[in-house]
């Protein structure tokens, strides 16, 4: 790693199991001058696990633009900055893409360090043709939800999206309304101790969670397909 020339590394971190990180990612995080993370408390657990002592700074969706520019200025002054998210690959359903965009505008070198994503994890065990798919991130909380699930229902290729524990059942019921015959592959707590994958048509999946309300916990990634 050339410390004389500033650079931003976009570093994927584990989505659950702390062992799911590359040796390259550990090396870059260990040698970075700054690690920009969503929540320093979350990232600190990973740092302690791998005995990494690089300085952590906060960068999340509420970070002001001038603060983002300050990070870019550090890079322009020769610092090595690693961007991480709380889990998975930065830039996918988090604000990492905004910092990268600003870096590009400032002619800063940006390098990807690939690794874990919930999209890749669920796709690898889907068992369906997923050469083509649409990724829609998180459904809207309120306005636009019907449009979102109408799009999922009408898609001729699999649709992958994330869902939170607070809305997963409500939104699956909404999808059922628009596409009563759609099929679901649902990953819950992927790579963690309580990892679970539920498969079936949408009636079966909803029935499973209605009969097992204790399973409505954690983070969800869903594939909806015909």
Protein backbone atom coordinates (compact mmCIF):
# COMPACT_ATOMS: atom_id res chain seq x y z
CA UNK A 1 0.00 0.00 0.00
CA UNK A 2 1.48 3.34 -1.11
CA UNK A 3 1.14 5.73 1.83
CA UNK A 4 2.49 8.64 -0.22
CA UNK A 5 -0.57 8.82 -2.41
CA UNK A 6 -4.07 9.18 -1.02
CA UNK A 7 -6.69 6.63 -1.92
CA UNK A 8 -10.13 5.45 -0.89
CA UNK A 9 -10.77 1.75 -0.46
CA UNK A 10 -14.37 0.54 -0.44
CA UNK A 11 -14.10 -2.45 1.86
CA UNK A 12 -16.69 -5.20 2.27
CA UNK A 13 -17.06 -6.49 5.83
CA UNK A 14 -18.94 -9.53 7.20
CA UNK A 15 -22.74 -9.52 7.14
CA UNK A 16 -22.81 -11.66 10.27
CA UNK A 17 -20.09 -14.25 10.76
CA UNK A 18 -16.89 -12.33 11.52
CA UNK A 19 -14.88 -14.96 9.64
CA UNK A 20 -16.36 -13.80 6.33
CA UNK A 21 -13.71 -11.22 5.52
CA UNK A 22 -10.81 -11.40 3.10
CA UNK A 23 -7.15 -11.27 4.07
CA UNK A 24 -6.79 -8.28 1.76
CA UNK A 25 -9.57 -6.42 3.59
CA UNK A 26 -7.88 -7.05 6.94
CA UNK A 27 -4.56 -5.76 5.55
CA UNK A 28 -6.14 -2.61 4.15
CA UNK A 29 -8.10 -1.85 7.31
CA UNK A 30 -4.96 -2.39 9.39
CA UNK A 31 -2.94 0.04 7.28
CA UNK A 32 -5.59 2.70 6.66
CA UNK A 33 -5.10 6.13 8.21
CA UNK A 34 -8.84 6.49 8.66
CA UNK A 35 -11.80 4.10 8.51
CA UNK A 36 -15.09 5.83 7.68
CA UNK A 37 -17.95 3.79 9.13
CA UNK A 38 -21.69 4.05 9.69
CA UNK A 39 -21.49 3.29 13.40
CA UNK A 40 -18.13 3.26 15.17
CA UNK A 41 -19.53 0.98 17.88
CA UNK A 42 -20.41 -1.71 15.33
CA UNK A 43 -17.14 -1.43 13.42
CA UNK A 44 -15.12 -1.42 16.65
CA UNK A 45 -16.25 -4.99 17.35
CA UNK A 46 -14.69 -6.10 14.06
CA UNK A 47 -11.56 -4.08 14.76
CA UNK A 48 -11.13 -5.70 18.16
CA UNK A 49 -11.70 -9.18 16.74
CA UNK A 50 -8.85 -8.71 14.25
CA UNK A 51 -6.69 -6.48 16.48
CA UNK A 52 -6.93 -3.52 14.11
CA UNK A 53 -6.10 -0.13 15.61
CA UNK A 54 -6.77 2.30 12.75
CA UNK A 55 -8.67 5.49 13.59
CA UNK A 56 -12.43 5.28 13.14
CA UNK A 57 -14.50 8.23 11.94
CA UNK A 58 -18.23 8.42 11.37
CA UNK A 59 -19.80 8.63 7.92
CA UNK A 60 -23.50 7.77 7.53
CA UNK A 61 -26.69 8.93 5.79
CA UNK A 62 -27.01 12.00 8.02
CA UNK A 63 -23.43 13.18 7.54
CA UNK A 64 -23.33 16.73 6.18
CA UNK A 65 -21.77 17.33 2.78
CA UNK A 66 -19.03 19.52 4.21
CA UNK A 67 -17.97 16.64 6.47
CA UNK A 68 -17.77 14.34 3.47
CA UNK A 69 -15.60 16.93 1.74
CA UNK A 70 -13.32 16.96 4.80
CA UNK A 71 -12.79 13.22 4.33
CA UNK A 72 -11.96 13.78 0.66
CA UNK A 73 -9.52 16.53 1.65
CA UNK A 74 -7.73 14.05 3.92
CA UNK A 75 -7.28 11.78 0.93
CA UNK A 76 -6.07 14.64 -1.25
CA UNK A 77 -3.47 15.30 1.45
CA UNK A 78 -2.17 11.76 1.10
CA UNK A 79 -4.27 9.82 3.61
CA UNK A 80 -5.50 6.29 3.00
CA UNK A 81 -9.22 6.05 3.84
CA UNK A 82 -11.26 2.85 4.00
CA UNK A 83 -15.04 3.03 3.76
CA UNK A 84 -17.01 0.32 5.54
CA UNK A 85 -20.66 -0.22 6.31
CA UNK A 86 -22.10 -1.89 9.39
CA UNK A 87 -22.38 -5.11 7.40
CA UNK A 88 -21.63 -6.09 3.82
CA UNK A 89 -20.48 -4.01 0.90
CA UNK A 90 -20.56 -0.19 1.06
CA UNK A 91 -22.55 1.55 -1.64
CA UNK A 92 -25.35 -1.04 -1.62
CA UNK A 93 -28.30 0.38 0.35
CA UNK A 94 -26.12 2.76 2.34
CA UNK A 95 -24.57 6.21 1.75
CA UNK A 96 -21.15 4.93 0.65
CA UNK A 97 -22.01 5.71 -2.96
CA UNK A 98 -22.32 9.43 -2.11
CA UNK A 99 -18.79 9.58 -0.72
CA UNK A 100 -17.48 7.65 -3.73
CA UNK A 101 -19.29 10.06 -6.06
CA UNK A 102 -17.65 13.00 -4.30
CA UNK A 103 -14.28 11.27 -4.54
CA UNK A 104 -14.69 10.82 -8.29
CA UNK A 105 -15.55 14.52 -8.69
CA UNK A 106 -12.31 15.34 -6.87
CA UNK A 107 -10.25 12.94 -9.02
CA UNK A 108 -9.54 10.72 -6.02
CA UNK A 109 -8.54 7.13 -6.72
CA UNK A 110 -11.21 4.70 -5.47
CA UNK A 111 -10.54 0.97 -5.27
CA UNK A 112 -13.06 -1.80 -4.46
CA UNK A 113 -12.24 -4.54 -1.97
CA UNK A 114 -15.04 -7.08 -2.59
CA UNK A 115 -16.54 -9.48 -0.13
CA UNK A 116 -19.79 -10.41 1.56
CA UNK A 117 -23.23 -9.19 0.45
CA UNK A 118 -26.64 -10.49 1.40
CA UNK A 119 -27.57 -10.38 -2.31
CA UNK A 120 -24.74 -12.74 -3.22
CA UNK A 121 -25.39 -15.01 -0.26
CA UNK A 122 -29.09 -15.55 -0.96
CA UNK A 123 -28.51 -15.87 -4.72
CA UNK A 124 -25.92 -18.60 -4.22
CA UNK A 125 -28.43 -20.88 -2.49
CA UNK A 126 -31.54 -19.85 -4.44
CA UNK A 127 -31.59 -22.91 -6.67
CA UNK A 128 -33.37 -20.99 -9.42
CA UNK A 129 -32.22 -19.34 -12.65
CA UNK A 130 -30.82 -16.06 -11.45
CA UNK A 131 -28.63 -15.05 -14.38
CA UNK A 132 -30.87 -12.01 -14.57
CA UNK A 133 -32.51 -10.30 -11.61
CA UNK A 134 -33.65 -6.91 -10.36
CA UNK A 135 -32.42 -5.51 -7.04
CA UNK A 136 -34.72 -2.99 -5.39
CA UNK A 137 -33.02 -2.41 -2.01
CA UNK A 138 -35.61 -1.60 0.71
CA UNK A 139 -39.32 -1.02 0.06
CA UNK A 140 -40.51 2.52 0.86
CA UNK A 141 -41.87 2.96 4.38
CA UNK A 142 -45.11 4.60 3.33
CA UNK A 143 -45.48 6.54 0.09
CA UNK A 144 -44.69 4.39 -2.93
CA UNK A 145 -45.14 0.99 -1.30
CA UNK A 146 -47.92 -0.08 -3.63
CA UNK A 147 -45.88 0.98 -6.65
CA UNK A 148 -42.91 -0.97 -5.30
CA UNK A 149 -44.81 -4.23 -4.84
CA UNK A 150 -46.68 -3.81 -8.11
CA UNK A 151 -43.28 -3.67 -9.79
CA UNK A 152 -42.21 -6.83 -7.96
CA UNK A 153 -45.44 -8.60 -8.92
CA UNK A 154 -45.14 -7.68 -12.60
CA UNK A 155 -41.45 -8.55 -13.02
CA UNK A 156 -40.62 -11.39 -15.40
CA UNK A 157 -37.26 -11.95 -13.69
CA UNK A 158 -36.52 -12.57 -9.99
CA UNK A 159 -36.58 -9.53 -7.74
CA UNK A 160 -34.31 -9.29 -4.72
CA UNK A 161 -34.92 -6.81 -1.94
CA UNK A 162 -34.09 -6.24 1.71
CA UNK A 163 -36.64 -5.98 4.49
CA UNK A 164 -36.59 -5.00 8.14
CA UNK A 165 -38.06 -7.00 10.99
CA UNK A 166 -40.62 -4.26 11.62
CA UNK A 167 -42.25 -4.43 8.19
CA UNK A 168 -41.49 -7.86 6.75
CA UNK A 169 -44.88 -9.44 7.46
CA UNK A 170 -46.92 -6.38 6.53
CA UNK A 171 -45.08 -6.01 3.24
CA UNK A 172 -45.25 -9.72 2.39
CA UNK A 173 -49.02 -9.45 2.88
CA UNK A 174 -49.09 -6.48 0.52
CA UNK A 175 -47.11 -8.46 -2.06
CA UNK A 176 -49.55 -11.35 -1.62
CA UNK A 177 -52.37 -8.96 -2.50
CA UNK A 178 -50.75 -7.99 -5.80
CA UNK A 179 -49.26 -11.39 -6.68
CA UNK A 180 -51.06 -14.22 -4.85
CA UNK A 181 -49.16 -16.92 -6.77
CA UNK A 182 -45.66 -15.50 -6.44
CA UNK A 183 -42.91 -17.64 -4.91
CA UNK A 184 -40.50 -16.58 -2.20
CA UNK A 185 -37.01 -17.45 -1.05
CA UNK A 186 -36.41 -15.63 2.22
CA UNK A 187 -33.09 -15.47 4.00
CA UNK A 188 -33.08 -14.47 7.66
CA UNK A 189 -29.98 -13.67 9.71
CA UNK A 190 -27.68 -14.96 6.95
CA UNK A 191 -24.28 -16.25 8.17
CA UNK A 192 -25.33 -15.79 11.81
CA UNK A 193 -26.12 -18.41 14.46
CA UNK A 194 -29.86 -18.32 13.76
CA UNK A 195 -29.54 -18.29 9.96
CA UNK A 196 -32.64 -19.58 8.23
CA UNK A 197 -33.85 -19.87 4.65
CA UNK A 198 -37.58 -20.24 4.04
CA UNK A 199 -38.90 -21.28 0.62
CA UNK A 200 -42.36 -21.63 -0.83
CA UNK A 201 -45.21 -19.71 -2.41
CA UNK A 202 -46.16 -16.56 -0.58
CA UNK A 203 -49.07 -18.22 1.26
CA UNK A 204 -46.74 -20.88 2.65
CA UNK A 205 -44.13 -18.34 3.75
CA UNK A 206 -46.69 -16.14 5.48
CA UNK A 207 -48.28 -19.18 7.13
CA UNK A 208 -44.87 -20.27 8.41
CA UNK A 209 -44.23 -16.95 10.13
CA UNK A 210 -47.77 -16.73 11.48
CA UNK A 211 -47.21 -20.11 13.14
CA UNK A 212 -43.69 -19.20 14.26
CA UNK A 213 -43.83 -15.56 15.41
CA UNK A 214 -40.56 -16.05 17.33
CA UNK A 215 -38.85 -16.31 13.93
CA UNK A 216 -39.70 -12.72 13.03
CA UNK A 217 -36.31 -11.43 14.13
CA UNK A 218 -33.17 -10.11 12.51
CA UNK A 219 -32.42 -8.91 8.99
CA UNK A 220 -34.22 -10.26 5.93
CA UNK A 221 -33.33 -10.59 2.26
CA UNK A 222 -36.04 -11.80 -0.11
CA UNK A 223 -36.17 -13.21 -3.63
CA UNK A 224 -39.60 -12.99 -5.24
CA UNK A 225 -40.07 -14.90 -8.50
CA UNK A 226 -42.70 -16.54 -10.69
